[in-house]
C-alpha atoms as a PDB file:
ATOM      1  CA  MET A   1     -29.565  -0.010   4.147  1.00  0.00           C
ATOM      2  CA  GLU A   2     -29.061  -3.040   6.402  1.00  0.00           C
ATOM      3  CA  ALA A   3     -25.957  -3.676   8.557  1.00  0.00           C
ATOM      4  CA  PRO A   4     -23.240  -1.772   6.692  1.00  0.00           C
ATOM      5  CA  ALA A   5     -19.796  -3.257   6.200  1.00  0.00           C
ATOM      6  CA  PHE A   6     -17.825  -0.095   6.857  1.00  0.00           C
ATOM      7  CA  VAL A   7     -17.697   2.770   9.300  1.00  0.00           C
ATOM      8  CA  GLY A   8     -15.991   5.904   8.159  1.00  0.00           C
ATOM      9  CA  LEU A   9     -15.365   9.443   9.328  1.00  0.00           C
ATOM     10  CA  PHE A  10     -16.998  11.954   7.056  1.00  0.00           C
ATOM     11  CA  THR A  11     -17.292  15.676   6.618  1.00  0.00           C
ATOM     12  CA  ILE A  12     -19.161  17.936   4.182  1.00  0.00           C
ATOM     13  CA  GLU A  13     -16.666  18.511   1.375  1.00  0.00           C
ATOM     14  CA  GLY A  14     -14.869  21.817   1.565  1.00  0.00           C
ATOM     15  CA  THR A  15     -15.697  22.469   5.245  1.00  0.00           C
ATOM     16  CA  PRO A  16     -13.828  21.942   8.523  1.00  0.00           C
ATOM     17  CA  LEU A  17     -16.951  20.250   9.978  1.00  0.00           C
ATOM     18  CA  GLY A  18     -17.011  16.844  11.521  1.00  0.00           C
ATOM     19  CA  PRO A  19     -15.944  14.172  12.034  1.00  0.00           C
ATOM     20  CA  TYR A  20     -19.264  12.508  11.439  1.00  0.00           C
ATOM     21  CA  PRO A  21     -19.026   8.725  12.020  1.00  0.00           C
ATOM     22  CA  GLY A  22     -21.299   7.037   9.606  1.00  0.00           C
ATOM     23  CA  ALA A  23     -21.968   3.589   8.173  1.00  0.00           C
ATOM     24  CA  VAL A  24     -21.866   2.707   4.486  1.00  0.00           C
ATOM     25  CA  PRO A  25     -22.030  -0.596   2.597  1.00  0.00           C
ATOM     26  CA  GLY A  26     -18.627  -0.052   0.976  1.00  0.00           C
ATOM     27  CA  ASP A  27     -16.908   2.764  -0.789  1.00  0.00           C
ATOM     28  CA  VAL A  28     -18.906   5.959  -0.723  1.00  0.00           C
ATOM     29  CA  GLY A  29     -19.268   8.477  -3.466  1.00  0.00           C
ATOM     30  CA  ALA A  30     -19.635  12.176  -2.921  1.00  0.00           C
ATOM     31  CA  TYR A  31     -23.480  12.210  -2.906  1.00  0.00           C
ATOM     32  CA  ASP A  32     -24.154   8.694  -1.552  1.00  0.00           C
ATOM     33  CA  THR A  33     -26.272   7.978   1.495  1.00  0.00           C
ATOM     34  CA  ILE A  34     -24.575   7.557   4.825  1.00  0.00           C
ATOM     35  CA  ALA A  35     -26.252   6.155   7.960  1.00  0.00           C
ATOM     36  CA  PHE A  36     -25.766   8.227  11.116  1.00  0.00           C
ATOM     37  CA  HIS A  37     -26.690   7.732  14.763  1.00  0.00           C
ATOM     38  CA  ARG A  38     -28.945  10.385  16.407  1.00  0.00           C
ATOM     39  CA  ASP A  39     -26.000  11.893  18.332  1.00  0.00           C
ATOM     40  CA  THR A  40     -24.121  12.402  15.045  1.00  0.00           C
ATOM     41  CA  ALA A  41     -27.253  13.774  13.352  1.00  0.00           C
ATOM     42  CA  ASP A  42     -27.582  16.263  16.258  1.00  0.00           C
ATOM     43  CA  GLN A  43     -23.915  17.399  15.745  1.00  0.00           C
ATOM     44  CA  LEU A  44     -24.474  17.667  11.950  1.00  0.00           C
ATOM     45  CA  LEU A  45     -27.562  19.828  12.607  1.00  0.00           C
ATOM     46  CA  ARG A  46     -25.725  22.121  14.977  1.00  0.00           C
ATOM     47  CA  ASP A  47     -22.753  22.471  12.594  1.00  0.00           C
ATOM     48  CA  ILE A  48     -24.972  23.191   9.555  1.00  0.00           C
ATOM     49  CA  ASN A  49     -26.805  25.955  11.450  1.00  0.00           C
ATOM     50  CA  GLN A  50     -23.542  27.567  12.651  1.00  0.00           C
ATOM     51  CA  ASP A  51     -21.736  27.307   9.291  1.00  0.00           C
ATOM     52  CA  ASP A  52     -22.268  29.926   6.624  1.00  0.00           C
ATOM     53  CA  CYS A  53     -23.828  27.664   4.022  1.00  0.00           C
ATOM     54  CA  ILE A  54     -27.086  27.483   2.101  1.00  0.00           C
ATOM     55  CA  PHE A  55     -28.521  24.794   4.391  1.00  0.00           C
ATOM     56  CA  THR A  56     -30.424  25.046   7.615  1.00  0.00           C
ATOM     57  CA  ALA A  57     -31.651  22.212   9.723  1.00  0.00           C
ATOM     58  CA  SER A  58     -34.122  21.638  12.530  1.00  0.00           C
ATOM     59  CA  TRP A  59     -35.799  18.830  14.409  1.00  0.00           C
ATOM     60  CA  GLU A  60     -39.476  18.017  13.828  1.00  0.00           C
ATOM     61  CA  GLY A  61     -40.073  15.408  16.413  1.00  0.00           C
ATOM     62  CA  THR A  62     -37.674  12.569  15.650  1.00  0.00           C
ATOM     63  CA  SER A  63     -37.182  13.700  11.998  1.00  0.00           C
ATOM     64  CA  MET A  64     -34.613  16.124  10.703  1.00  0.00           C
ATOM     65  CA  ARG A  65     -35.845  18.938   8.415  1.00  0.00           C
ATOM     66  CA  LEU A  66     -33.169  20.239   5.963  1.00  0.00           C
ATOM     67  CA  CYS A  67     -33.854  23.374   3.984  1.00  0.00           C
ATOM     68  CA  TRP A  68     -31.781  25.204   1.351  1.00  0.00           C
ATOM     69  CA  THR A  69     -31.917  27.826  -1.293  1.00  0.00           C
ATOM     70  CA  THR A  70     -31.961  26.564  -4.780  1.00  0.00           C
ATOM     71  CA  SER A  71     -30.056  28.059  -7.729  1.00  0.00           C
ATOM     72  CA  TRP A  72     -33.250  29.911  -8.782  1.00  0.00           C
ATOM     73  CA  ASN A  73     -33.691  31.421  -5.303  1.00  0.00           C
ATOM     74  CA  ALA A  74     -36.507  29.161  -4.304  1.00  0.00           C
ATOM     75  CA  ARG A  75     -36.552  27.273  -1.011  1.00  0.00           C
ATOM     76  CA  ALA A  76     -36.344  23.490  -1.049  1.00  0.00           C
ATOM     77  CA  THR A  77     -36.779  21.115   1.877  1.00  0.00           C
ATOM     78  CA  THR A  78     -36.524  17.457   2.753  1.00  0.00           C
ATOM     79  CA  LEU A  79     -37.472  15.533   5.815  1.00  0.00           C
ATOM     80  CA  VAL A  80     -35.046  12.806   7.014  1.00  0.00           C
ATOM     81  CA  ALA A  81     -36.946  10.301   9.201  1.00  0.00           C
ATOM     82  CA  VAL A  82     -35.287   7.863  11.552  1.00  0.00           C
ATOM     83  CA  ASP A  83     -35.140   4.352  10.182  1.00  0.00           C
ATOM     84  CA  THR A  84     -36.262   1.194  11.990  1.00  0.00           C
ATOM     85  CA  HIS A  85     -32.728   0.870  13.429  1.00  0.00           C
ATOM     86  CA  GLY A  86     -32.603   4.394  14.862  1.00  0.00           C
ATOM     87  CA  ARG A  87     -30.304   5.781  12.160  1.00  0.00           C
ATOM     88  CA  TYR A  88     -30.638   8.777   9.847  1.00  0.00           C
ATOM     89  CA  LEU A  89     -29.862   8.075   6.209  1.00  0.00           C
ATOM     90  CA  ILE A  90     -28.499  11.279   4.716  1.00  0.00           C
ATOM     91  CA  GLY A  91     -27.315  11.678   1.110  1.00  0.00           C
ATOM     92  CA  GLY A  92     -27.801  13.380  -2.167  1.00  0.00           C
ATOM     93  CA  LEU A  93     -27.723  16.906  -0.703  1.00  0.00           C
ATOM     94  CA  TRP A  94     -24.097  17.911  -0.606  1.00  0.00           C
ATOM     95  CA  PRO A  95     -20.814  16.139  -1.425  1.00  0.00           C
ATOM     96  CA  TRP A  96     -19.309  14.080   1.363  1.00  0.00           C
ATOM     97  CA  ALA A  97     -15.555  13.755   1.847  1.00  0.00           C
ATOM     98  CA  ASP A  98     -13.480  11.555   4.207  1.00  0.00           C
ATOM     99  CA  TRP A  99     -12.627  13.495   7.376  1.00  0.00           C
ATOM    100  CA  ASP A 100      -8.899  13.913   7.714  1.00  0.00           C
ATOM    101  CA  GLY A 101      -8.537  15.695  11.053  1.00  0.00           C
ATOM    102  CA  TRP A 102      -5.175  14.367  12.133  1.00  0.00           C
ATOM    103  CA  ASP A 103      -2.106  12.564  10.838  1.00  0.00           C
ATOM    104  CA  GLY A 104      -2.805   9.191  12.514  1.00  0.00           C
ATOM    105  CA  ALA A 105      -0.399   9.795  15.396  1.00  0.00           C
ATOM    106  CA  LEU A 106      -1.608   9.414  18.942  1.00  0.00           C
ATOM    107  CA  PRO A 107      -4.531  11.866  19.453  1.00  0.00           C
ATOM    108  CA  ASP A 108      -3.996  14.989  21.569  1.00  0.00           C
ATOM    109  CA  THR A 109      -7.537  16.450  21.349  1.00  0.00           C
ATOM    110  CA  ASP A 110     -10.994  15.152  22.305  1.00  0.00           C
ATOM    111  CA  LYS A 111     -12.031  15.292  18.652  1.00  0.00           C
ATOM    112  CA  GLN A 112      -9.064  13.137  17.590  1.00  0.00           C
ATOM    113  CA  ALA A 113      -9.610  10.698  20.482  1.00  0.00           C
ATOM    114  CA  PHE A 114     -13.292  10.372  19.402  1.00  0.00           C
ATOM    115  CA  ALA A 115     -12.196   9.725  15.796  1.00  0.00           C
ATOM    116  CA  LEU A 116      -9.683   7.105  16.891  1.00  0.00           C
ATOM    117  CA  GLY A 117     -12.439   5.381  18.891  1.00  0.00           C
ATOM    118  CA  VAL A 118     -14.611   5.233  15.811  1.00  0.00           C
ATOM    119  CA  VAL A 119     -11.665   3.838  13.734  1.00  0.00           C
ATOM    120  CA  GLU A 120     -10.903   1.225  16.434  1.00  0.00           C
ATOM    121  CA  PHE A 121     -14.534   0.427  17.260  1.00  0.00           C
ATOM    122  CA  SER A 122     -14.078  -3.342  16.642  1.00  0.00           C
ATOM    123  CA  SER A 123     -10.534  -3.639  17.910  1.00  0.00           C
ATOM    124  CA  SER A 124      -9.938  -6.021  20.854  1.00  0.00           C
ATOM    125  CA  HIS A 125      -6.692  -4.156  21.600  1.00  0.00           C
ATOM    126  CA  PRO A 126      -7.605  -0.415  21.814  1.00  0.00           C
ATOM    127  CA  THR A 127      -4.902   2.229  21.892  1.00  0.00           C
ATOM    128  CA  VAL A 128      -3.688   3.198  25.340  1.00  0.00           C
ATOM    129  CA  LEU A 129      -4.615   6.858  25.919  1.00  0.00           C
ATOM    130  CA  PRO A 130      -4.178   9.305  28.746  1.00  0.00           C
ATOM    131  CA  ASP A 131      -7.135   9.382  31.222  1.00  0.00           C
ATOM    132  CA  HIS A 132      -8.547  12.691  29.914  1.00  0.00           C
ATOM    133  CA  LEU A 133      -8.877  11.220  26.312  1.00  0.00           C
ATOM    134  CA  ARG A 134     -10.566   7.970  27.331  1.00  0.00           C
ATOM    135  CA  PRO A 135     -14.158   9.314  27.496  1.00  0.00           C
ATOM    136  CA  PRO A 136     -14.207  10.767  23.955  1.00  0.00           C
ATOM    137  CA  TYR A 137     -12.428   7.627  22.667  1.00  0.00           C
ATOM    138  CA  ARG A 138     -15.123   5.476  24.307  1.00  0.00           C
ATOM    139  CA  ARG A 139     -17.902   7.635  22.821  1.00  0.00           C
ATOM    140  CA  GLY A 140     -16.381   7.101  19.413  1.00  0.00           C
ATOM    141  CA  ARG A 141     -16.398   3.323  19.864  1.00  0.00           C
ATOM    142  CA  GLU A 142     -19.975   3.372  21.156  1.00  0.00           C
ATOM    143  CA  THR A 143     -21.195   5.519  18.297  1.00  0.00           C
ATOM    144  CA  ALA A 144     -19.571   3.290  15.665  1.00  0.00           C
ATOM    145  CA  HIS A 145     -21.174   0.227  17.244  1.00  0.00           C
ATOM    146  CA  ARG A 146     -24.634   1.823  17.300  1.00  0.00           C
ATOM    147  CA  VAL A 147     -24.448   2.960  13.672  1.00  0.00           C
ATOM    148  CA  THR A 148     -23.356  -0.483  12.550  1.00  0.00           C
ATOM    149  CA  LEU A 149     -26.087  -2.131  14.585  1.00  0.00           C
ATOM    150  CA  ASN A 150     -23.526  -3.941  16.727  1.00  0.00           C
ATOM    151  CA  THR A 151     -23.785  -3.937  20.529  1.00  0.00           C
ATOM    152  CA  TYR A 152     -20.975  -2.211  22.297  1.00  0.00           C
ATOM    153  CA  ARG A 153     -19.651  -4.338  25.192  1.00  0.00           C
ATOM    154  CA  ALA A 154     -17.052  -2.995  27.550  1.00  0.00           C
ATOM    155  CA  ALA A 155     -14.460  -5.437  28.579  1.00  0.00           C
ATOM    156  CA  ALA A 156     -15.599  -7.698  31.390  1.00  0.00           C
ATOM    157  CA  GLY A 157     -13.512  -8.431  34.452  1.00  0.00           C
ATOM    158  CA  PRO A 158     -10.879  -6.243  36.069  1.00  0.00           C
ATOM    159  CA  ARG A 159     -10.160  -2.961  34.343  1.00  0.00           C
ATOM    160  CA  SER A 160      -7.118  -2.904  32.169  1.00  0.00           C
ATOM    161  CA  PRO A 161      -5.127   0.342  31.689  1.00  0.00           C
ATOM    162  CA  SER A 162      -5.230  -0.320  27.968  1.00  0.00           C
ATOM    163  CA  LEU A 163      -9.047  -0.428  27.729  1.00  0.00           C
ATOM    164  CA  PRO A 164     -11.272   2.654  27.798  1.00  0.00           C
ATOM    165  CA  GLU A 165     -13.301   3.027  30.901  1.00  0.00           C
END
């Protein structure tokens, strides 16, 4: 997968997990492959291991090992290696769904601010947020830029109250 055309917020279908910002070349189906940055892959790993599901995950160097119990009570495993762009391409294991963690109003939690940063990653006019929500918003923008292979550049010149610090 080269530079994707779209960044979305994903979750594992039927769970409250996420949001996981990932890059896809267009519309994504339930079992399609999504490109994630290492920080997002870390969060996915932690969430999978804390959630009561059939999957477990661990790091083996820079690769992610995913294990699960099959329908015939055998163990299956796959190793997800980092690609040449530093992304983890994960798909075909469980159904993905769009993350819908808030109604689109101004965020009032770190998670919502992070998600808004992802959504607005290419906006030249970011949403004005309270000081305590600017760091997660900025992390969302940075993560979206990294997963799309774009370079995140903070605004040059004097700081504007409308731009994340």
